[in-house]
Amino acid sequence: MPKKYYRIVSKGDSVRRARIVAGLTSADCAAAVGVSRPMLSSIENGAGTSVTTAHKIAGVVGKTFEVLFDIVDAKPERVR
């Protein structure tokens, strides 16, 4: 299986803001997505996540993937 050279990360504070606007606590949102509350907190704070989890979060808070997440190039620099 080829290595992936990208990370899916929250755009700034967008996930947290969308969750709050949707009226969800972190515990409620995490349960709806199927992750732990600490994992949701990590994602809100910029930790990478899977495409599947990112899409689940977007669906739960009523936003699109593109509004909430960035795809960041994570390919390591080649050392000469």
Protein backbone atom coordinates (compact mmCIF):
# COMPACT_ATOMS: atom_id res chain seq x y z
CA MET A 1 0.00 0.00 0.00
CA PRO A 2 1.46 3.38 -0.96
CA LYS A 3 2.11 5.94 1.72
CA LYS A 4 -0.21 8.92 1.90
CA TYR A 5 1.47 12.28 1.85
CA TYR A 6 -1.34 14.48 3.06
CA ARG A 7 -3.09 15.32 6.31
CA ILE A 8 -6.70 16.36 6.85
CA VAL A 9 -6.74 19.18 9.42
CA SER A 10 -9.30 21.61 10.78
CA LYS A 11 -9.30 25.11 9.25
CA GLY A 12 -8.43 27.16 12.30
CA ASP A 13 -11.28 27.00 14.80
CA SER A 14 -13.91 26.02 12.22
CA VAL A 15 -14.84 22.62 13.64
CA ARG A 16 -15.29 23.92 17.19
CA ARG A 17 -17.31 26.93 16.00
CA ALA A 18 -19.55 24.80 13.79
CA ARG A 19 -20.15 22.36 16.66
CA ILE A 20 -21.13 25.18 19.02
CA VAL A 21 -23.40 26.84 16.42
CA ALA A 22 -25.06 23.44 15.88
CA GLY A 23 -25.79 23.38 19.63
CA LEU A 24 -23.68 20.31 20.36
CA THR A 25 -21.43 19.65 23.31
CA SER A 26 -18.11 18.03 22.56
CA ALA A 27 -19.39 14.81 24.17
CA ASP A 28 -22.58 14.80 22.06
CA CYS A 29 -20.69 15.51 18.84
CA ALA A 30 -18.03 12.89 19.58
CA ALA A 31 -20.70 10.26 20.26
CA ALA A 32 -22.54 11.11 17.03
CA VAL A 33 -19.31 10.88 15.02
CA GLY A 34 -18.12 7.71 16.77
CA VAL A 35 -14.90 9.04 18.31
CA SER A 36 -13.89 9.81 21.88
CA ARG A 37 -14.29 13.31 23.29
CA PRO A 38 -10.48 13.71 23.64
CA MET A 39 -10.08 12.67 19.98
CA LEU A 40 -12.65 15.27 18.89
CA SER A 41 -10.82 17.88 20.96
CA SER A 42 -7.55 16.95 19.24
CA ILE A 43 -9.18 17.29 15.82
CA GLU A 44 -10.63 20.68 16.81
CA ASN A 45 -7.13 21.75 17.86
CA GLY A 46 -5.51 20.83 14.55
CA ALA A 47 -4.54 17.17 14.82
CA GLY A 48 -4.93 15.27 11.59
CA THR A 49 -7.85 12.93 11.01
CA SER A 50 -9.10 10.53 8.39
CA VAL A 51 -11.22 11.58 5.44
CA THR A 52 -14.04 9.39 6.75
CA THR A 53 -14.02 11.00 10.21
CA ALA A 54 -13.80 14.49 8.72
CA HIS A 55 -16.87 13.81 6.56
CA LYS A 56 -18.76 12.41 9.57
CA ILE A 57 -17.96 15.53 11.61
CA ALA A 58 -19.09 17.76 8.74
CA GLY A 59 -22.37 15.87 8.47
CA VAL A 60 -23.07 16.00 12.20
CA VAL A 61 -22.53 19.78 12.41
CA GLY A 62 -24.30 20.50 9.11
CA LYS A 63 -21.35 21.90 7.17
CA THR A 64 -19.37 20.69 4.18
CA PHE A 65 -15.96 19.05 4.35
CA GLU A 66 -14.46 21.94 2.37
CA VAL A 67 -15.70 24.56 4.84
CA LEU A 68 -14.25 22.78 7.88
CA PHE A 69 -11.07 21.07 6.71
CA ASP A 70 -7.86 21.65 4.76
CA ILE A 71 -5.83 19.01 2.97
CA VAL A 72 -2.21 19.72 3.88
CA ASP A 73 0.77 18.38 1.95
CA ALA A 74 2.79 16.25 4.34
CA LYS A 75 5.31 14.79 1.92
CA PRO A 76 8.71 14.76 3.58
CA GLU A 77 11.42 16.91 2.04
CA ARG A 78 13.98 14.92 0.14
CA VAL A 79 17.41 15.18 1.75
CA ARG A 80 20.39 15.40 -0.57
